[in-house]
Amino acid sequence: MSKTECPMCTTTDLLEHAALWECQTCGHEWPKAEQEEEPALGPRVVKDAYGTVLVEGDSVTLIKDLKLKGSTQVIKGGTKAKGIRLVDGDHEIFCKIEGAAIGLKACFVKKA
């Protein structure tokens, strides 16, 4: 038996052949490569606009003016943020600029 399960009936009663799996319950056959697990992904790598790898605690500088969503304020290009945190999601960088907590996309910053 295997930890793999049948894609048709989700049972784990399988016969293992050289190139395929066969379900003992429903008789469905499928190639082994289709069910093999994906390799584990390594740690997430975040790069700035110029391809430099960023890590927690780095300082970054904005490369262009950015409007704050939901506000009329603009953060000027050249503004520096110290002690960044890397987070999952669309905005990879979380930092404080002028006392406000802000999420930034890595494509708008360069490592300082």
N, C-alpha and C. Protein backbone atom coordinates (compact mmCIF):
# COMPACT_ATOMS: atom_id res chain seq x y z
N MET A 1 0.83 -1.19 0.00
CA MET A 1 0.00 0.00 0.00
C MET A 1 0.86 1.25 0.00
N SER A 2 0.25 2.36 -0.34
CA SER A 2 0.95 3.62 -0.49
C SER A 2 0.15 4.72 0.19
N LYS A 3 0.79 5.87 0.42
CA LYS A 3 0.09 7.02 0.98
C LYS A 3 -0.68 7.76 -0.10
N THR A 4 -0.47 7.38 -1.36
CA THR A 4 -1.18 8.00 -2.47
C THR A 4 -2.62 7.51 -2.45
N GLU A 5 -3.53 8.35 -2.94
CA GLU A 5 -4.93 7.93 -3.01
C GLU A 5 -5.46 8.08 -4.43
N CYS A 6 -6.47 7.32 -4.74
CA CYS A 6 -7.07 7.31 -6.07
C CYS A 6 -7.74 8.66 -6.36
N PRO A 7 -7.45 9.27 -7.54
CA PRO A 7 -8.10 10.54 -7.85
C PRO A 7 -9.59 10.41 -8.16
N MET A 8 -10.06 9.20 -8.43
CA MET A 8 -11.48 9.01 -8.74
C MET A 8 -12.32 8.77 -7.47
N CYS A 9 -11.87 7.83 -6.63
CA CYS A 9 -12.70 7.47 -5.46
C CYS A 9 -12.03 7.78 -4.13
N THR A 10 -10.84 8.31 -4.13
CA THR A 10 -10.06 8.73 -2.96
C THR A 10 -9.76 7.61 -1.95
N THR A 11 -9.77 6.37 -2.41
CA THR A 11 -9.39 5.27 -1.53
C THR A 11 -7.87 5.09 -1.59
N THR A 12 -7.32 4.45 -0.58
CA THR A 12 -5.87 4.23 -0.56
C THR A 12 -5.51 2.78 -0.84
N ASP A 13 -6.48 1.95 -1.26
CA ASP A 13 -6.21 0.56 -1.63
C ASP A 13 -5.69 0.54 -3.06
N LEU A 14 -4.37 0.63 -3.22
CA LEU A 14 -3.76 0.76 -4.54
C LEU A 14 -2.77 -0.36 -4.81
N LEU A 15 -2.65 -0.69 -6.09
CA LEU A 15 -1.61 -1.58 -6.56
C LEU A 15 -0.57 -0.73 -7.25
N GLU A 16 0.70 -0.98 -6.93
CA GLU A 16 1.78 -0.20 -7.53
C GLU A 16 2.43 -1.01 -8.64
N HIS A 17 2.38 -0.50 -9.86
CA HIS A 17 3.04 -1.13 -11.00
C HIS A 17 4.28 -0.30 -11.33
N ALA A 18 5.06 -0.75 -12.31
CA ALA A 18 6.31 -0.07 -12.64
C ALA A 18 6.09 1.39 -13.01
N ALA A 19 5.12 1.70 -13.85
CA ALA A 19 4.93 3.07 -14.34
C ALA A 19 3.59 3.67 -13.95
N LEU A 20 2.73 2.91 -13.26
CA LEU A 20 1.41 3.46 -12.95
C LEU A 20 0.86 2.92 -11.65
N TRP A 21 -0.18 3.57 -11.17
CA TRP A 21 -0.94 3.15 -10.00
C TRP A 21 -2.26 2.56 -10.49
N GLU A 22 -2.79 1.57 -9.74
CA GLU A 22 -4.10 1.00 -10.07
C GLU A 22 -4.91 0.91 -8.79
N CYS A 23 -6.13 1.43 -8.84
CA CYS A 23 -7.01 1.39 -7.68
C CYS A 23 -7.68 0.02 -7.61
N GLN A 24 -7.60 -0.64 -6.45
CA GLN A 24 -8.23 -1.95 -6.28
C GLN A 24 -9.74 -1.83 -6.15
N THR A 25 -10.24 -0.69 -5.74
CA THR A 25 -11.67 -0.51 -5.53
C THR A 25 -12.41 -0.23 -6.83
N CYS A 26 -11.96 0.78 -7.60
CA CYS A 26 -12.69 1.18 -8.81
C CYS A 26 -11.99 0.78 -10.11
N GLY A 27 -10.72 0.34 -10.03
CA GLY A 27 -10.01 -0.09 -11.22
C GLY A 27 -9.36 1.03 -12.02
N HIS A 28 -9.45 2.25 -11.54
CA HIS A 28 -8.86 3.39 -12.26
C HIS A 28 -7.34 3.26 -12.27
N GLU A 29 -6.70 3.59 -13.42
CA GLU A 29 -5.26 3.57 -13.55
C GLU A 29 -4.76 4.95 -13.93
N TRP A 30 -3.60 5.37 -13.39
CA TRP A 30 -3.01 6.66 -13.73
C TRP A 30 -1.50 6.56 -13.57
N PRO A 31 -0.76 7.38 -14.32
CA PRO A 31 0.71 7.32 -14.24
C PRO A 31 1.22 7.79 -12.89
N LYS A 32 2.35 7.23 -12.47
CA LYS A 32 2.93 7.60 -11.17
C LYS A 32 3.34 9.06 -11.12
N ALA A 33 3.90 9.57 -12.18
CA ALA A 33 4.39 10.95 -12.18
C ALA A 33 3.27 11.95 -11.89
N GLU A 34 2.05 11.65 -12.24
CA GLU A 34 0.92 12.55 -12.03
C GLU A 34 0.61 12.74 -10.55
N GLN A 35 0.85 11.73 -9.72
CA GLN A 35 0.49 11.79 -8.31
C GLN A 35 1.67 12.08 -7.39
N GLU A 36 2.90 12.11 -7.91
CA GLU A 36 4.05 12.34 -7.04
C GLU A 36 3.97 13.73 -6.44
N GLU A 37 4.39 13.82 -5.20
CA GLU A 37 4.32 15.10 -4.49
C GLU A 37 5.35 16.06 -5.03
N GLU A 38 5.02 17.34 -4.97
CA GLU A 38 5.93 18.38 -5.41
C GLU A 38 7.04 18.53 -4.38
N PRO A 39 8.24 18.87 -4.83
CA PRO A 39 9.31 19.08 -3.85
C PRO A 39 9.00 20.28 -2.97
N ALA A 40 9.46 20.23 -1.75
CA ALA A 40 9.21 21.33 -0.81
C ALA A 40 9.91 22.60 -1.29
N LEU A 41 9.20 23.70 -1.24
CA LEU A 41 9.77 24.97 -1.65
C LEU A 41 10.67 25.50 -0.54
N GLY A 42 11.74 26.14 -0.93
CA GLY A 42 12.67 26.72 0.04
C GLY A 42 12.10 28.00 0.60
N PRO A 43 12.88 28.68 1.39
CA PRO A 43 12.41 29.95 1.95
C PRO A 43 12.18 30.98 0.85
N ARG A 44 11.26 31.85 1.07
CA ARG A 44 10.90 32.86 0.07
C ARG A 44 12.03 33.87 -0.07
N VAL A 45 12.36 34.19 -1.31
CA VAL A 45 13.41 35.17 -1.59
C VAL A 45 12.75 36.43 -2.13
N VAL A 46 13.00 37.56 -1.48
CA VAL A 46 12.44 38.84 -1.91
C VAL A 46 13.59 39.68 -2.44
N LYS A 47 13.41 40.19 -3.66
CA LYS A 47 14.45 41.02 -4.28
C LYS A 47 13.92 42.42 -4.53
N ASP A 48 14.81 43.40 -4.43
CA ASP A 48 14.41 44.78 -4.69
C ASP A 48 14.32 45.03 -6.19
N ALA A 49 14.10 46.27 -6.59
CA ALA A 49 13.91 46.62 -7.99
C ALA A 49 15.14 46.33 -8.84
N TYR A 50 16.31 46.23 -8.23
CA TYR A 50 17.55 46.01 -8.96
C TYR A 50 18.08 44.58 -8.80
N GLY A 51 17.30 43.70 -8.18
CA GLY A 51 17.68 42.30 -8.06
C GLY A 51 18.48 41.95 -6.83
N THR A 52 18.68 42.88 -5.92
CA THR A 52 19.40 42.61 -4.68
C THR A 52 18.47 41.91 -3.70
N VAL A 53 18.95 40.84 -3.07
CA VAL A 53 18.14 40.08 -2.11
C VAL A 53 17.96 40.89 -0.83
N LEU A 54 16.72 40.98 -0.36
CA LEU A 54 16.41 41.68 0.89
C LEU A 54 16.21 40.67 2.01
N VAL A 55 16.63 41.04 3.22
CA VAL A 55 16.42 40.21 4.40
C VAL A 55 15.80 41.07 5.50
N GLU A 56 15.27 40.40 6.51
CA GLU A 56 14.67 41.10 7.65
C GLU A 56 15.67 42.08 8.26
N GLY A 57 15.21 43.28 8.58
CA GLY A 57 16.04 44.26 9.24
C GLY A 57 16.82 45.17 8.31
N ASP A 58 16.78 44.92 7.00
CA ASP A 58 17.47 45.79 6.05
C ASP A 58 16.84 47.18 6.04
N SER A 59 17.58 48.13 5.49
CA SER A 59 17.05 49.46 5.22
C SER A 59 16.84 49.57 3.72
N VAL A 60 15.75 50.20 3.33
CA VAL A 60 15.44 50.36 1.91
C VAL A 60 15.10 51.82 1.63
N THR A 61 15.25 52.19 0.35
CA THR A 61 14.93 53.54 -0.10
C THR A 61 13.92 53.44 -1.23
N LEU A 62 12.88 54.28 -1.21
CA LEU A 62 11.90 54.29 -2.29
C LEU A 62 12.55 54.83 -3.56
N ILE A 63 12.22 54.24 -4.71
CA ILE A 63 12.81 54.69 -5.97
C ILE A 63 11.87 55.61 -6.75
N LYS A 64 10.63 55.75 -6.29
CA LYS A 64 9.68 56.67 -6.94
C LYS A 64 8.66 57.17 -5.94
N ASP A 65 7.95 58.22 -6.28
CA ASP A 65 6.89 58.74 -5.42
C ASP A 65 5.75 57.73 -5.39
N LEU A 66 5.19 57.49 -4.20
CA LEU A 66 4.07 56.56 -4.06
C LEU A 66 2.92 57.25 -3.34
N LYS A 67 1.72 57.11 -3.90
CA LYS A 67 0.52 57.61 -3.23
C LYS A 67 0.09 56.61 -2.17
N LEU A 68 -0.36 57.12 -1.03
CA LEU A 68 -0.90 56.24 0.00
C LEU A 68 -2.35 55.94 -0.32
N LYS A 69 -2.69 54.68 -0.33
CA LYS A 69 -4.05 54.27 -0.64
C LYS A 69 -5.01 54.79 0.43
N GLY A 70 -6.10 55.39 0.00
CA GLY A 70 -7.09 55.91 0.93
C GLY A 70 -6.72 57.26 1.51
N SER A 71 -5.74 57.91 0.93
CA SER A 71 -5.29 59.19 1.44
C SER A 71 -4.83 60.06 0.28
N THR A 72 -4.63 61.34 0.56
CA THR A 72 -4.12 62.25 -0.48
C THR A 72 -2.61 62.45 -0.32
N GLN A 73 -2.02 61.81 0.68
CA GLN A 73 -0.59 61.97 0.93
C GLN A 73 0.24 61.19 -0.08
N VAL A 74 1.46 61.68 -0.29
CA VAL A 74 2.41 61.03 -1.18
C VAL A 74 3.71 60.84 -0.42
N ILE A 75 4.30 59.66 -0.56
CA ILE A 75 5.62 59.41 0.02
C ILE A 75 6.62 59.63 -1.11
N LYS A 76 7.54 60.54 -0.91
CA LYS A 76 8.49 60.95 -1.94
C LYS A 76 9.54 59.88 -2.20
N GLY A 77 9.98 59.79 -3.44
CA GLY A 77 11.09 58.92 -3.79
C GLY A 77 12.33 59.37 -3.04
N GLY A 78 13.14 58.41 -2.60
CA GLY A 78 14.31 58.75 -1.80
C GLY A 78 14.08 58.63 -0.31
N THR A 79 12.82 58.45 0.10
CA THR A 79 12.51 58.27 1.52
C THR A 79 13.06 56.93 1.98
N LYS A 80 13.70 56.92 3.14
CA LYS A 80 14.35 55.73 3.65
C LYS A 80 13.50 55.07 4.73
N ALA A 81 13.43 53.73 4.69
CA ALA A 81 12.75 52.96 5.74
C ALA A 81 13.76 52.01 6.35
N LYS A 82 13.86 52.01 7.67
CA LYS A 82 14.83 51.16 8.37
C LYS A 82 14.11 50.00 9.04
N GLY A 83 14.80 48.89 9.18
CA GLY A 83 14.27 47.74 9.93
C GLY A 83 13.03 47.14 9.30
N ILE A 84 13.11 46.77 8.04
CA ILE A 84 11.94 46.21 7.36
C ILE A 84 11.65 44.79 7.85
N ARG A 85 10.39 44.38 7.66
CA ARG A 85 9.99 43.00 7.90
C ARG A 85 9.49 42.44 6.58
N LEU A 86 9.81 41.19 6.28
CA LEU A 86 9.33 40.54 5.08
C LEU A 86 8.10 39.70 5.44
N VAL A 87 7.03 39.89 4.68
CA VAL A 87 5.77 39.20 4.95
C VAL A 87 5.27 38.54 3.67
N ASP A 88 4.36 37.60 3.82
CA ASP A 88 3.73 36.97 2.66
C ASP A 88 2.62 37.85 2.14
N GLY A 89 2.35 37.74 0.86
CA GLY A 89 1.26 38.52 0.28
C GLY A 89 1.74 39.38 -0.86
N ASP A 90 0.85 40.23 -1.33
CA ASP A 90 1.14 41.09 -2.47
C ASP A 90 2.18 42.14 -2.13
N HIS A 91 2.11 42.70 -0.95
CA HIS A 91 3.09 43.68 -0.49
C HIS A 91 4.07 42.95 0.41
N GLU A 92 5.27 42.69 -0.11
CA GLU A 92 6.23 41.83 0.57
C GLU A 92 6.94 42.47 1.75
N ILE A 93 6.94 43.79 1.80
CA ILE A 93 7.71 44.52 2.81
C ILE A 93 6.76 45.27 3.74
N PHE A 94 6.98 45.15 5.04
CA PHE A 94 6.22 45.89 6.04
C PHE A 94 7.22 46.73 6.81
N CYS A 95 6.94 48.04 6.90
CA CYS A 95 7.88 48.94 7.58
C CYS A 95 7.12 50.15 8.12
N LYS A 96 7.85 51.02 8.79
CA LYS A 96 7.29 52.29 9.26
C LYS A 96 8.02 53.42 8.56
N ILE A 97 7.23 54.33 7.97
CA ILE A 97 7.78 55.52 7.34
C ILE A 97 7.06 56.71 7.96
N GLU A 98 7.82 57.62 8.53
CA GLU A 98 7.27 58.80 9.19
C GLU A 98 6.22 58.42 10.24
N GLY A 99 6.47 57.34 10.96
CA GLY A 99 5.58 56.92 12.03
C GLY A 99 4.36 56.13 11.61
N ALA A 100 4.14 55.96 10.31
CA ALA A 100 2.98 55.21 9.82
C ALA A 100 3.42 53.82 9.34
N ALA A 101 2.68 52.80 9.73
CA ALA A 101 2.97 51.43 9.29
C ALA A 101 2.49 51.27 7.85
N ILE A 102 3.37 50.80 6.98
CA ILE A 102 3.07 50.75 5.56
C ILE A 102 3.55 49.43 4.98
N GLY A 103 2.77 48.89 4.04
CA GLY A 103 3.18 47.72 3.28
C GLY A 103 3.66 48.18 1.90
N LEU A 104 4.82 47.70 1.47
CA LEU A 104 5.39 48.11 0.20
C LEU A 104 5.65 46.89 -0.69
N LYS A 105 5.59 47.12 -1.99
CA LYS A 105 6.00 46.10 -2.93
C LYS A 105 7.50 46.26 -3.16
N ALA A 106 8.19 45.15 -3.27
CA ALA A 106 9.64 45.18 -3.41
C ALA A 106 10.10 45.85 -4.69
N CYS A 107 9.25 45.90 -5.71
CA CYS A 107 9.63 46.50 -6.99
C CYS A 107 9.74 48.02 -6.90
N PHE A 108 9.34 48.65 -5.81
CA PHE A 108 9.41 50.09 -5.66
C PHE A 108 10.51 50.55 -4.70
N VAL A 109 11.37 49.63 -4.27
CA VAL A 109 12.43 49.98 -3.33
C VAL A 109 13.78 49.48 -3.81
N LYS A 110 14.84 50.08 -3.27
CA LYS A 110 16.19 49.56 -3.46
C LYS A 110 16.84 49.45 -2.08
N LYS A 111 17.74 48.50 -1.97
CA LYS A 111 18.42 48.30 -0.69
C LYS A 111 19.33 49.49 -0.42
N ALA A 112 19.26 50.01 0.80
CA ALA A 112 20.06 51.20 1.15
C ALA A 112 21.42 50.81 1.70
